Amino acid sequence: MGRYYNGDIEGKFWVAVQSSDAADQFGCPGMIPNYLEYYYDEDNIPAVKAGIKKIRDRLDYDKVHGFFEGQGSRWYNQDDLVNAGITDEEVSDYADLILGKKILKCLYATRHCRFTAEL
């Protein structure tokens, strides 16, 4: 069973890789009822950019992005990651980077970004 986020941006958290509060690292903590609620506005753009930069600085982006671009919609397993030299931490960072980029794209397009994330 997957956990989703929806609102101004939508997606599914990566199973066993990405936590529901992954968006906290981009400068706006979620509010906890039965889900996390996020609201970003254009004042959050510097924090979102900083979160993205922090991930990019520690991630071998070309290696990880190349792996997932090559996988297409195919499932991967731990052996695939080991053979590609990709750690679980890198997969988590890559998933979080995609989320951060969605938030930033939404902010540039509409000057705000609101979504909820299932716990």
PDB file of N, CA and C in Angstrom:
ATOM      1  N   MET A   1       0.847  -1.179   0.000  1.00  0.00           N
ATOM      2  CA  MET A   1       0.000   0.000   0.000  1.00  0.00           C
ATOM      3  C   MET A   1       0.886   1.234   0.000  1.00  0.00           C
ATOM      4  N   GLY A   2       0.661   2.133  -0.908  1.00  0.00           N
ATOM      5  CA  GLY A   2       1.458   3.335  -1.006  1.00  0.00           C
ATOM      6  C   GLY A   2       0.847   4.494  -0.241  1.00  0.00           C
ATOM      7  N   ARG A   3       1.664   5.483   0.001  1.00  0.00           N
ATOM      8  CA  ARG A   3       1.209   6.716   0.628  1.00  0.00           C
ATOM      9  C   ARG A   3       1.333   7.813  -0.421  1.00  0.00           C
ATOM     10  N   TYR A   4       0.334   8.643  -0.485  1.00  0.00           N
ATOM     11  CA  TYR A   4       0.261   9.669  -1.516  1.00  0.00           C
ATOM     12  C   TYR A   4       0.330  11.061  -0.912  1.00  0.00           C
ATOM     13  N   TYR A   5       0.696  12.027  -1.752  1.00  0.00           N
ATOM     14  CA  TYR A   5       0.511  13.433  -1.406  1.00  0.00           C
ATOM     15  C   TYR A   5      -0.283  14.054  -2.532  1.00  0.00           C
ATOM     16  N   ASN A   6      -1.146  14.997  -2.172  1.00  0.00           N
ATOM     17  CA  ASN A   6      -1.975  15.615  -3.204  1.00  0.00           C
ATOM     18  C   ASN A   6      -2.345  17.026  -2.794  1.00  0.00           C
ATOM     19  N   GLY A   7      -2.704  17.810  -3.754  1.00  0.00           N
ATOM     20  CA  GLY A   7      -3.022  19.219  -3.588  1.00  0.00           C
ATOM     21  C   GLY A   7      -2.548  19.929  -4.846  1.00  0.00           C
ATOM     22  N   ASP A   8      -1.758  20.990  -4.687  1.00  0.00           N
ATOM     23  CA  ASP A   8      -1.211  21.688  -5.849  1.00  0.00           C
ATOM     24  C   ASP A   8      -0.191  20.829  -6.591  1.00  0.00           C
ATOM     25  N   ILE A   9       0.468  19.931  -5.861  1.00  0.00           N
ATOM     26  CA  ILE A   9       1.322  18.920  -6.492  1.00  0.00           C
ATOM     27  C   ILE A   9       0.814  17.564  -6.023  1.00  0.00           C
ATOM     28  N   GLU A  10       1.050  16.540  -6.829  1.00  0.00           N
ATOM     29  CA  GLU A  10       0.568  15.211  -6.493  1.00  0.00           C
ATOM     30  C   GLU A  10       1.648  14.192  -6.780  1.00  0.00           C
ATOM     31  N   GLY A  11       1.613  13.123  -6.040  1.00  0.00           N
ATOM     32  CA  GLY A  11       2.554  12.044  -6.280  1.00  0.00           C
ATOM     33  C   GLY A  11       2.414  10.963  -5.237  1.00  0.00           C
ATOM     34  N   LYS A  12       3.272   9.976  -5.342  1.00  0.00           N
ATOM     35  CA  LYS A  12       3.279   8.862  -4.415  1.00  0.00           C
ATOM     36  C   LYS A  12       4.667   8.776  -3.811  1.00  0.00           C
ATOM     37  N   PHE A  13       4.730   8.664  -2.487  1.00  0.00           N
ATOM     38  CA  PHE A  13       6.011   8.499  -1.835  1.00  0.00           C
ATOM     39  C   PHE A  13       6.594   7.143  -2.208  1.00  0.00           C
ATOM     40  N   TRP A  14       7.895   7.086  -2.359  1.00  0.00           N
ATOM     41  CA  TRP A  14       8.558   5.846  -2.728  1.00  0.00           C
ATOM     42  C   TRP A  14       8.449   4.871  -1.553  1.00  0.00           C
ATOM     43  N   VAL A  15       7.953   3.685  -1.809  1.00  0.00           N
ATOM     44  CA  VAL A  15       7.715   2.688  -0.777  1.00  0.00           C
ATOM     45  C   VAL A  15       9.036   2.238  -0.148  1.00  0.00           C
ATOM     46  N   ALA A  16       9.075   2.239   1.169  1.00  0.00           N
ATOM     47  CA  ALA A  16      10.228   1.787   1.959  1.00  0.00           C
ATOM     48  C   ALA A  16      11.479   2.624   1.715  1.00  0.00           C
ATOM     49  N   VAL A  17      11.312   3.790   1.099  1.00  0.00           N
ATOM     50  CA  VAL A  17      12.455   4.645   0.788  1.00  0.00           C
ATOM     51  C   VAL A  17      12.242   6.053   1.316  1.00  0.00           C
ATOM     52  N   GLN A  18      11.046   6.574   1.175  1.00  0.00           N
ATOM     53  CA  GLN A  18      10.783   7.984   1.418  1.00  0.00           C
ATOM     54  C   GLN A  18       9.752   8.149   2.518  1.00  0.00           C
ATOM     55  N   SER A  19      10.073   8.983   3.496  1.00  0.00           N
ATOM     56  CA  SER A  19       9.140   9.197   4.598  1.00  0.00           C
ATOM     57  C   SER A  19       8.075  10.217   4.210  1.00  0.00           C
ATOM     58  N   SER A  20       6.955  10.174   4.916  1.00  0.00           N
ATOM     59  CA  SER A  20       5.852  11.098   4.643  1.00  0.00           C
ATOM     60  C   SER A  20       6.238  12.541   4.926  1.00  0.00           C
ATOM     61  N   ASP A  21       7.204  12.751   5.812  1.00  0.00           N
ATOM     62  CA  ASP A  21       7.616  14.114   6.141  1.00  0.00           C
ATOM     63  C   ASP A  21       8.833  14.576   5.343  1.00  0.00           C
ATOM     64  N   ALA A  22       9.069  13.969   4.188  1.00  0.00           N
ATOM     65  CA  ALA A  22      10.219  14.323   3.360  1.00  0.00           C
ATOM     66  C   ALA A  22      10.230  15.806   2.992  1.00  0.00           C
ATOM     67  N   ALA A  23       9.066  16.419   2.847  1.00  0.00           N
ATOM     68  CA  ALA A  23       8.988  17.825   2.452  1.00  0.00           C
ATOM     69  C   ALA A  23       9.423  18.768   3.572  1.00  0.00           C
ATOM     70  N   ASP A  24       9.550  18.278   4.818  1.00  0.00           N
ATOM     71  CA  ASP A  24      10.014  19.125   5.931  1.00  0.00           C
ATOM     72  C   ASP A  24      11.371  19.759   5.631  1.00  0.00           C
ATOM     73  N   GLN A  25      12.229  19.047   4.899  1.00  0.00           N
ATOM     74  CA  GLN A  25      13.587  19.528   4.655  1.00  0.00           C
ATOM     75  C   GLN A  25      13.654  20.710   3.691  1.00  0.00           C
ATOM     76  N   PHE A  26      12.517  21.109   3.147  1.00  0.00           N
ATOM     77  CA  PHE A  26      12.496  22.230   2.225  1.00  0.00           C
ATOM     78  C   PHE A  26      11.946  23.489   2.876  1.00  0.00           C
ATOM     79  N   GLY A  27      11.992  23.563   4.217  1.00  0.00           N
ATOM     80  CA  GLY A  27      11.744  24.806   4.929  1.00  0.00           C
ATOM     81  C   GLY A  27      10.354  25.031   5.468  1.00  0.00           C
ATOM     82  N   CYS A  28       9.486  24.040   5.411  1.00  0.00           N
ATOM     83  CA  CYS A  28       8.128  24.220   5.904  1.00  0.00           C
ATOM     84  C   CYS A  28       7.674  22.915   6.547  1.00  0.00           C
ATOM     85  N   PRO A  29       7.597  22.864   7.882  1.00  0.00           N
ATOM     86  CA  PRO A  29       7.210  21.608   8.516  1.00  0.00           C
ATOM     87  C   PRO A  29       5.725  21.291   8.317  1.00  0.00           C
ATOM     88  N   GLY A  30       5.426  20.007   8.177  1.00  0.00           N
ATOM     89  CA  GLY A  30       4.047  19.571   8.037  1.00  0.00           C
ATOM     90  C   GLY A  30       3.318  19.620   9.367  1.00  0.00           C
ATOM     91  N   MET A  31       2.007  19.750   9.313  1.00  0.00           N
ATOM     92  CA  MET A  31       1.171  19.752  10.513  1.00  0.00           C
ATOM     93  C   MET A  31       0.538  18.372  10.632  1.00  0.00           C
ATOM     94  N   ILE A  32       0.535  17.813  11.825  1.00  0.00           N
ATOM     95  CA  ILE A  32       0.150  16.417  11.993  1.00  0.00           C
ATOM     96  C   ILE A  32      -1.253  16.253  12.574  1.00  0.00           C
ATOM     97  N   PRO A  33      -2.262  15.936  11.742  1.00  0.00           N
ATOM     98  CA  PRO A  33      -3.464  15.270  12.221  1.00  0.00           C
ATOM     99  C   PRO A  33      -3.308  13.798  11.807  1.00  0.00           C
ATOM    100  N   ASN A  34      -4.028  13.298  10.815  1.00  0.00           N
ATOM    101  CA  ASN A  34      -3.809  11.964  10.257  1.00  0.00           C
ATOM    102  C   ASN A  34      -2.997  12.031   8.974  1.00  0.00           C
ATOM    103  N   TYR A  35      -2.603  13.205   8.636  1.00  0.00           N
ATOM    104  CA  TYR A  35      -1.805  13.445   7.446  1.00  0.00           C
ATOM    105  C   TYR A  35      -0.989  14.706   7.708  1.00  0.00           C
ATOM    106  N   LEU A  36       0.013  14.927   6.905  1.00  0.00           N
ATOM    107  CA  LEU A  36       0.799  16.155   6.997  1.00  0.00           C
ATOM    108  C   LEU A  36       0.242  17.142   5.988  1.00  0.00           C
ATOM    109  N   GLU A  37       0.089  18.358   6.398  1.00  0.00           N
ATOM    110  CA  GLU A  37      -0.437  19.404   5.532  1.00  0.00           C
ATOM    111  C   GLU A  37       0.677  20.419   5.289  1.00  0.00           C
ATOM    112  N   TYR A  38       0.956  20.699   4.025  1.00  0.00           N
ATOM    113  CA  TYR A  38       2.022  21.627   3.663  1.00  0.00           C
ATOM    114  C   TYR A  38       1.451  22.817   2.908  1.00  0.00           C
ATOM    115  N   TYR A  39       1.982  23.969   3.223  1.00  0.00           N
ATOM    116  CA  TYR A  39       1.657  25.174   2.459  1.00  0.00           C
ATOM    117  C   TYR A  39       2.942  25.979   2.283  1.00  0.00           C
ATOM    118  N   TYR A  40       3.334  26.161   1.052  1.00  0.00           N
ATOM    119  CA  TYR A  40       4.500  26.961   0.699  1.00  0.00           C
ATOM    120  C   TYR A  40       3.998  28.166  -0.090  1.00  0.00           C
ATOM    121  N   ASP A  41       4.683  29.291   0.085  1.00  0.00           N
ATOM    122  CA  ASP A  41       4.418  30.425  -0.790  1.00  0.00           C
ATOM    123  C   ASP A  41       5.756  30.921  -1.320  1.00  0.00           C
ATOM    124  N   GLU A  42       5.718  31.973  -2.097  1.00  0.00           N
ATOM    125  CA  GLU A  42       6.940  32.417  -2.761  1.00  0.00           C
ATOM    126  C   GLU A  42       8.037  32.821  -1.779  1.00  0.00           C
ATOM    127  N   ASP A  43       7.687  33.129  -0.539  1.00  0.00           N
ATOM    128  CA  ASP A  43       8.704  33.432   0.475  1.00  0.00           C
ATOM    129  C   ASP A  43       9.523  32.193   0.832  1.00  0.00           C
ATOM    130  N   ASN A  44       9.007  31.000   0.543  1.00  0.00           N
ATOM    131  CA  ASN A  44       9.709  29.754   0.834  1.00  0.00           C
ATOM    132  C   ASN A  44      10.668  29.329  -0.270  1.00  0.00           C
ATOM    133  N   ILE A  45      10.680  30.047  -1.397  1.00  0.00           N
ATOM    134  CA  ILE A  45      11.537  29.645  -2.519  1.00  0.00           C
ATOM    135  C   ILE A  45      13.003  29.514  -2.105  1.00  0.00           C
ATOM    136  N   PRO A  46      13.589  30.466  -1.345  1.00  0.00           N
ATOM    137  CA  PRO A  46      14.987  30.286  -0.960  1.00  0.00           C
ATOM    138  C   PRO A  46      15.231  29.013  -0.134  1.00  0.00           C
ATOM    139  N   ALA A  47      14.315  28.665   0.762  1.00  0.00           N
ATOM    140  CA  ALA A  47      14.473  27.454   1.572  1.00  0.00           C
ATOM    141  C   ALA A  47      14.343  26.199   0.715  1.00  0.00           C
ATOM    142  N   VAL A  48      13.408  26.219  -0.228  1.00  0.00           N
ATOM    143  CA  VAL A  48      13.244  25.075  -1.120  1.00  0.00           C
ATOM    144  C   VAL A  48      14.504  24.900  -1.960  1.00  0.00           C
ATOM    145  N   LYS A  49      15.018  25.992  -2.511  1.00  0.00           N
ATOM    146  CA  LYS A  49      16.257  25.925  -3.294  1.00  0.00           C
ATOM    147  C   LYS A  49      17.417  25.419  -2.447  1.00  0.00           C
ATOM    148  N   ALA A  50      17.490  25.867  -1.192  1.00  0.00           N
ATOM    149  CA  ALA A  50      18.558  25.427  -0.293  1.00  0.00           C
ATOM    150  C   ALA A  50      18.452  23.927  -0.008  1.00  0.00           C
ATOM    151  N   GLY A  51      17.221  23.426   0.191  1.00  0.00           N
ATOM    152  CA  GLY A  51      17.024  21.997   0.410  1.00  0.00           C
ATOM    153  C   GLY A  51      17.426  21.180  -0.803  1.00  0.00           C
ATOM    154  N   ILE A  52      17.076  21.674  -1.987  1.00  0.00           N
ATOM    155  CA  ILE A  52      17.453  21.000  -3.231  1.00  0.00           C
ATOM    156  C   ILE A  52      18.967  20.993  -3.387  1.00  0.00           C
ATOM    157  N   LYS A  53      19.606  22.123  -3.127  1.00  0.00           N
ATOM    158  CA  LYS A  53      21.061  22.221  -3.252  1.00  0.00           C
ATOM    159  C   LYS A  53      21.768  21.285  -2.285  1.00  0.00           C
ATOM    160  N   LYS A  54      21.263  21.200  -1.064  1.00  0.00           N
ATOM    161  CA  LYS A  54      21.869  20.321  -0.056  1.00  0.00           C
ATOM    162  C   LYS A  54      21.844  18.872  -0.539  1.00  0.00           C
ATOM    163  N   ILE A  55      20.728  18.468  -1.116  1.00  0.00           N
ATOM    164  CA  ILE A  55      20.632  17.102  -1.634  1.00  0.00           C
ATOM    165  C   ILE A  55      21.561  16.929  -2.829  1.00  0.00           C
ATOM    166  N   ARG A  56      21.542  17.875  -3.764  1.00  0.00           N
ATOM    167  CA  ARG A  56      22.392  17.766  -4.968  1.00  0.00           C
ATOM    168  C   ARG A  56      23.870  17.708  -4.604  1.00  0.00           C
ATOM    169  N   ASP A  57      24.271  18.448  -3.556  1.00  0.00           N
ATOM    170  CA  ASP A  57      25.678  18.468  -3.149  1.00  0.00           C
ATOM    171  C   ASP A  57      26.158  17.113  -2.623  1.00  0.00           C
ATOM    172  N   ARG A  58      25.254  16.330  -2.035  1.00  0.00           N
ATOM    173  CA  ARG A  58      25.679  15.044  -1.476  1.00  0.00           C
ATOM    174  C   ARG A  58      25.330  13.858  -2.379  1.00  0.00           C
ATOM    175  N   LEU A  59      24.625  14.106  -3.457  1.00  0.00           N
ATOM    176  CA  LEU A  59      24.149  13.030  -4.320  1.00  0.00           C
ATOM    177  C   LEU A  59      24.943  12.988  -5.623  1.00  0.00           C
ATOM    178  N   ASP A  60      25.351  11.789  -6.029  1.00  0.00           N
ATOM    179  CA  ASP A  60      25.936  11.601  -7.361  1.00  0.00           C
ATOM    180  C   ASP A  60      24.758  11.533  -8.334  1.00  0.00           C
ATOM    181  N   TYR A  61      24.266  12.708  -8.701  1.00  0.00           N
ATOM    182  CA  TYR A  61      23.018  12.821  -9.453  1.00  0.00           C
ATOM    183  C   TYR A  61      23.074  12.065 -10.776  1.00  0.00           C
ATOM    184  N   ASP A  62      24.141  12.223 -11.529  1.00  0.00           N
ATOM    185  CA  ASP A  62      24.210  11.592 -12.848  1.00  0.00           C
ATOM    186  C   ASP A  62      24.094  10.072 -12.745  1.00  0.00           C
ATOM    187  N   LYS A  63      24.764   9.488 -11.745  1.00  0.00           N
ATOM    188  CA  LYS A  63      24.711   8.029 -11.569  1.00  0.00           C
ATOM    189  C   LYS A  63      23.286   7.582 -11.225  1.00  0.00           C
ATOM    190  N   VAL A  64      22.687   8.227 -10.233  1.00  0.00           N
ATOM    191  CA  VAL A  64      21.375   7.794  -9.766  1.00  0.00           C
ATOM    192  C   VAL A  64      20.294   8.114 -10.793  1.00  0.00           C
ATOM    193  N   HIS A  65      20.340   9.316 -11.344  1.00  0.00           N
ATOM    194  CA  HIS A  65      19.346   9.698 -12.353  1.00  0.00           C
ATOM    195  C   HIS A  65      19.457   8.785 -13.573  1.00  0.00           C
ATOM    196  N   GLY A  66      20.678   8.503 -13.996  1.00  0.00           N
ATOM    197  CA  GLY A  66      20.876   7.603 -15.138  1.00  0.00           C
ATOM    198  C   GLY A  66      20.287   6.223 -14.893  1.00  0.00           C
ATOM    199  N   PHE A  67      20.453   5.722 -13.667  1.00  0.00           N
ATOM    200  CA  PHE A  67      19.889   4.415 -13.323  1.00  0.00           C
ATOM    201  C   PHE A  67      18.368   4.437 -13.447  1.00  0.00           C
ATOM    202  N   PHE A  68      17.731   5.432 -12.841  1.00  0.00           N
ATOM    203  CA  PHE A  68      16.273   5.461 -12.850  1.00  0.00           C
ATOM    204  C   PHE A  68      15.715   5.853 -14.212  1.00  0.00           C
ATOM    205  N   GLU A  69      16.413   6.661 -14.965  1.00  0.00           N
ATOM    206  CA  GLU A  69      15.957   6.961 -16.322  1.00  0.00           C
ATOM    207  C   GLU A  69      16.021   5.699 -17.169  1.00  0.00           C
ATOM    208  N   GLY A  70      17.061   4.881 -16.976  1.00  0.00           N
ATOM    209  CA  GLY A  70      17.216   3.641 -17.725  1.00  0.00           C
ATOM    210  C   GLY A  70      16.216   2.578 -17.319  1.00  0.00           C
ATOM    211  N   GLN A  71      15.757   2.643 -16.069  1.00  0.00           N
ATOM    212  CA  GLN A  71      14.807   1.648 -15.574  1.00  0.00           C
ATOM    213  C   GLN A  71      13.424   1.848 -16.175  1.00  0.00           C
ATOM    214  N   GLY A  72      13.119   3.091 -16.565  1.00  0.00           N
ATOM    215  CA  GLY A  72      11.788   3.371 -17.064  1.00  0.00           C
ATOM    216  C   GLY A  72      10.751   3.029 -16.011  1.00  0.00           C
ATOM    217  N   SER A  73       9.736   2.305 -16.397  1.00  0.00           N
ATOM    218  CA  SER A  73       8.696   1.937 -15.426  1.00  0.00           C
ATOM    219  C   SER A  73       8.971   0.561 -14.820  1.00  0.00           C
ATOM    220  N   ARG A  74      10.119  -0.015 -15.134  1.00  0.00           N
ATOM    221  CA  ARG A  74      10.471  -1.345 -14.629  1.00  0.00           C
ATOM    222  C   ARG A  74      10.778  -1.275 -13.138  1.00  0.00           C
ATOM    223  N   TRP A  75      10.391  -2.315 -12.433  1.00  0.00           N
ATOM    224  CA  TRP A  75      10.717  -2.415 -11.010  1.00  0.00           C
ATOM    225  C   TRP A  75      12.198  -2.705 -10.858  1.00  0.00           C
ATOM    226  N   TYR A  76      12.774  -2.281  -9.790  1.00  0.00           N
ATOM    227  CA  TYR A  76      14.167  -2.586  -9.483  1.00  0.00           C
ATOM    228  C   TYR A  76      14.205  -3.288  -8.135  1.00  0.00           C
ATOM    229  N   ASN A  77      15.308  -3.985  -7.886  1.00  0.00           N
ATOM    230  CA  ASN A  77      15.470  -4.636  -6.593  1.00  0.00           C
ATOM    231  C   ASN A  77      16.829  -4.269  -6.006  1.00  0.00           C
ATOM    232  N   GLN A  78      17.086  -4.782  -4.829  1.00  0.00           N
ATOM    233  CA  GLN A  78      18.326  -4.433  -4.128  1.00  0.00           C
ATOM    234  C   GLN A  78      19.553  -4.847  -4.935  1.00  0.00           C
ATOM    235  N   ASP A  79      19.490  -5.990  -5.607  1.00  0.00           N
ATOM    236  CA  ASP A  79      20.621  -6.427  -6.424  1.00  0.00           C
ATOM    237  C   ASP A  79      20.905  -5.437  -7.556  1.00  0.00           C
ATOM    238  N   ASP A  80      19.843  -4.913  -8.169  1.00  0.00           N
ATOM    239  CA  ASP A  80      20.021  -3.912  -9.228  1.00  0.00           C
ATOM    240  C   ASP A  80      20.769  -2.691  -8.689  1.00  0.00           C
ATOM    241  N   LEU A  81      20.369  -2.259  -7.485  1.00  0.00           N
ATOM    242  CA  LEU A  81      21.024  -1.096  -6.877  1.00  0.00           C
ATOM    243  C   LEU A  81      22.484  -1.392  -6.558  1.00  0.00           C
ATOM    244  N   VAL A  82      22.745  -2.557  -5.985  1.00  0.00           N
ATOM    245  CA  VAL A  82      24.123  -2.936  -5.646  1.00  0.00           C
ATOM    246  C   VAL A  82      24.976  -2.980  -6.909  1.00  0.00           C
ATOM    247  N   ASN A  83      24.468  -3.585  -7.952  1.00  0.00           N
ATOM    248  CA  ASN A  83      25.208  -3.676  -9.219  1.00  0.00           C
ATOM    249  C   ASN A  83      25.489  -2.305  -9.816  1.00  0.00           C
ATOM    250  N   ALA A  84      24.603  -1.355  -9.576  1.00  0.00           N
ATOM    251  CA  ALA A  84      24.788   0.002 -10.097  1.00  0.00           C
ATOM    252  C   ALA A  84      25.609   0.869  -9.135  1.00  0.00           C
ATOM    253  N   GLY A  85      25.932   0.333  -7.961  1.00  0.00           N
ATOM    254  CA  GLY A  85      26.701   1.098  -6.979  1.00  0.00           C
ATOM    255  C   GLY A  85      25.888   2.201  -6.324  1.00  0.00           C
ATOM    256  N   ILE A  86      24.602   1.960  -6.156  1.00  0.00           N
ATOM    257  CA  ILE A  86      23.700   2.966  -5.590  1.00  0.00           C
ATOM    258  C   ILE A  86      23.232   2.494  -4.218  1.00  0.00           C
ATOM    259  N   THR A  87      23.378   3.364  -3.222  1.00  0.00           N
ATOM    260  CA  THR A  87      22.981   3.029  -1.859  1.00  0.00           C
ATOM    261  C   THR A  87      21.508   3.371  -1.625  1.00  0.00           C
ATOM    262  N   ASP A  88      20.950   2.800  -0.556  1.00  0.00           N
ATOM    263  CA  ASP A  88      19.574   3.126  -0.181  1.00  0.00           C
ATOM    264  C   ASP A  88      19.448   4.614   0.137  1.00  0.00           C
ATOM    265  N   GLU A  89      20.481   5.187   0.745  1.00  0.00           N
ATOM    266  CA  GLU A  89      20.462   6.623   1.061  1.00  0.00           C
ATOM    267  C   GLU A  89      20.388   7.464  -0.209  1.00  0.00           C
ATOM    268  N   GLU A  90      21.104   7.041  -1.250  1.00  0.00           N
ATOM    269  CA  GLU A  90      21.052   7.776  -2.516  1.00  0.00           C
ATOM    270  C   GLU A  90      19.660   7.680  -3.153  1.00  0.00           C
ATOM    271  N   VAL A  91      19.029   6.527  -3.043  1.00  0.00           N
ATOM    272  CA  VAL A  91      17.670   6.377  -3.587  1.00  0.00           C
ATOM    273  C   VAL A  91      16.724   7.305  -2.844  1.00  0.00           C
ATOM    274  N   SER A  92      16.847   7.354  -1.512  1.00  0.00           N
ATOM    275  CA  SER A  92      16.008   8.239  -0.705  1.00  0.00           C
ATOM    276  C   SER A  92      16.249   9.701  -1.069  1.00  0.00           C
ATOM    277  N   ASP A  93      17.517  10.077  -1.196  1.00  0.00           N
ATOM    278  CA  ASP A  93      17.838  11.457  -1.590  1.00  0.00           C
ATOM    279  C   ASP A  93      17.266  11.790  -2.954  1.00  0.00           C
ATOM    280  N   TYR A  94      17.358  10.871  -3.899  1.00  0.00           N
ATOM    281  CA  TYR A  94      16.848  11.105  -5.246  1.00  0.00           C
ATOM    282  C   TYR A  94      15.329  11.298  -5.222  1.00  0.00           C
ATOM    283  N   ALA A  95      14.631  10.469  -4.463  1.00  0.00           N
ATOM    284  CA  ALA A  95      13.176  10.603  -4.341  1.00  0.00           C
ATOM    285  C   ALA A  95      12.824  11.960  -3.729  1.00  0.00           C
ATOM    286  N   ASP A  96      13.578  12.368  -2.686  1.00  0.00           N
ATOM    287  CA  ASP A  96      13.331  13.653  -2.049  1.00  0.00           C
ATOM    288  C   ASP A  96      13.631  14.811  -3.001  1.00  0.00           C
ATOM    289  N   LEU A  97      14.674  14.659  -3.815  1.00  0.00           N
ATOM    290  CA  LEU A  97      15.023  15.692  -4.791  1.00  0.00           C
ATOM    291  C   LEU A  97      13.883  15.903  -5.789  1.00  0.00           C
ATOM    292  N   ILE A  98      13.273  14.819  -6.240  1.00  0.00           N
ATOM    293  CA  ILE A  98      12.133  14.927  -7.159  1.00  0.00           C
ATOM    294  C   ILE A  98      10.995  15.697  -6.496  1.00  0.00           C
ATOM    295  N   LEU A  99      10.723  15.391  -5.223  1.00  0.00           N
ATOM    296  CA  LEU A  99       9.685  16.108  -4.486  1.00  0.00           C
ATOM    297  C   LEU A  99      10.019  17.594  -4.383  1.00  0.00           C
ATOM    298  N   GLY A 100      11.248  17.914  -4.013  1.00  0.00           N
ATOM    299  CA  GLY A 100      11.659  19.316  -3.902  1.00  0.00           C
ATOM    300  C   GLY A 100      11.511  20.063  -5.213  1.00  0.00           C
ATOM    301  N   LYS A 101      11.864  19.411  -6.316  1.00  0.00           N
ATOM    302  CA  LYS A 101      11.722  20.041  -7.628  1.00  0.00           C
ATOM    303  C   LYS A 101      10.251  20.275  -7.981  1.00  0.00           C
ATOM    304  N   LYS A 102       9.373  19.342  -7.595  1.00  0.00           N
ATOM    305  CA  LYS A 102       7.934  19.539  -7.838  1.00  0.00           C
ATOM    306  C   LYS A 102       7.431  20.754  -7.055  1.00  0.00           C
ATOM    307  N   ILE A 103       7.872  20.868  -5.807  1.00  0.00           N
ATOM    308  CA  ILE A 103       7.456  22.007  -4.981  1.00  0.00           C
ATOM    309  C   ILE A 103       7.924  23.305  -5.622  1.00  0.00           C
ATOM    310  N   LEU A 104       9.186  23.363  -6.026  1.00  0.00           N
ATOM    311  CA  LEU A 104       9.744  24.583  -6.624  1.00  0.00           C
ATOM    312  C   LEU A 104       9.033  24.924  -7.932  1.00  0.00           C
ATOM    313  N   LYS A 105       8.791  23.942  -8.772  1.00  0.00           N
ATOM    314  CA  LYS A 105       8.089  24.178 -10.040  1.00  0.00           C
ATOM    315  C   LYS A 105       6.698  24.748  -9.778  1.00  0.00           C
ATOM    316  N   CYS A 106       6.012  24.204  -8.795  1.00  0.00           N
ATOM    317  CA  CYS A 106       4.683  24.690  -8.429  1.00  0.00           C
ATOM    318  C   CYS A 106       4.752  26.140  -7.945  1.00  0.00           C
ATOM    319  N   LEU A 107       5.760  26.458  -7.125  1.00  0.00           N
ATOM    320  CA  LEU A 107       5.912  27.829  -6.624  1.00  0.00           C
ATOM    321  C   LEU A 107       6.163  28.809  -7.759  1.00  0.00           C
ATOM    322  N   TYR A 108       6.996  28.426  -8.711  1.00  0.00           N
ATOM    323  CA  TYR A 108       7.258  29.307  -9.848  1.00  0.00           C
ATOM    324  C   TYR A 108       6.008  29.491 -10.708  1.00  0.00           C
ATOM    325  N   ALA A 109       5.206  28.439 -10.822  1.00  0.00           N
ATOM    326  CA  ALA A 109       4.023  28.503 -11.679  1.00  0.00           C
ATOM    327  C   ALA A 109       2.871  29.272 -11.042  1.00  0.00           C
ATOM    328  N   THR A 110       2.679  29.106  -9.722  1.00  0.00           N
ATOM    329  CA  THR A 110       1.477  29.665  -9.101  1.00  0.00           C
ATOM    330  C   THR A 110       1.741  30.537  -7.874  1.00  0.00           C
ATOM    331  N   ARG A 111       3.004  30.663  -7.461  1.00  0.00           N
ATOM    332  CA  ARG A 111       3.437  31.457  -6.293  1.00  0.00           C
ATOM    333  C   ARG A 111       3.004  30.849  -4.969  1.00  0.00           C
ATOM    334  N   HIS A 112       2.374  29.666  -5.000  1.00  0.00           N
ATOM    335  CA  HIS A 112       2.066  28.954  -3.763  1.00  0.00           C
ATOM    336  C   HIS A 112       1.999  27.453  -4.100  1.00  0.00           C
ATOM    337  N   CYS A 113       2.134  26.648  -3.068  1.00  0.00           N
ATOM    338  CA  CYS A 113       2.062  25.199  -3.259  1.00  0.00           C
ATOM    339  C   CYS A 113       1.491  24.598  -1.983  1.00  0.00           C
ATOM    340  N   ARG A 114       0.348  23.988  -2.104  1.00  0.00           N
ATOM    341  CA  ARG A 114      -0.339  23.377  -0.958  1.00  0.00           C
ATOM    342  C   ARG A 114      -0.592  21.911  -1.286  1.00  0.00           C
ATOM    343  N   PHE A 115      -0.268  21.043  -0.325  1.00  0.00           N
ATOM    344  CA  PHE A 115      -0.586  19.629  -0.492  1.00  0.00           C
ATOM    345  C   PHE A 115      -0.622  18.923   0.846  1.00  0.00           C
ATOM    346  N   THR A 116      -1.287  17.788   0.880  1.00  0.00           N
ATOM    347  CA  THR A 116      -1.318  16.945   2.066  1.00  0.00           C
ATOM    348  C   THR A 116      -0.565  15.667   1.763  1.00  0.00           C
ATOM    349  N   ALA A 117       0.008  15.085   2.801  1.00  0.00           N
ATOM    350  CA  ALA A 117       0.764  13.851   2.655  1.00  0.00           C
ATOM    351  C   ALA A 117       0.225  12.832   3.644  1.00  0.00           C
ATOM    352  N   GLU A 118      -0.102  11.661   3.165  1.00  0.00           N
ATOM    353  CA  GLU A 118      -0.591  10.608   4.041  1.00  0.00           C
ATOM    354  C   GLU A 118       0.522  10.149   4.972  1.00  0.00           C
ATOM    355  N   LEU A 119       0.149   9.823   6.203  1.00  0.00           N
ATOM    356  CA  LEU A 119       1.123   9.267   7.147  1.00  0.00           C
ATOM    357  C   LEU A 119       1.174   7.769   7.053  1.00  0.00           C
TER     358      LEU A 119
END
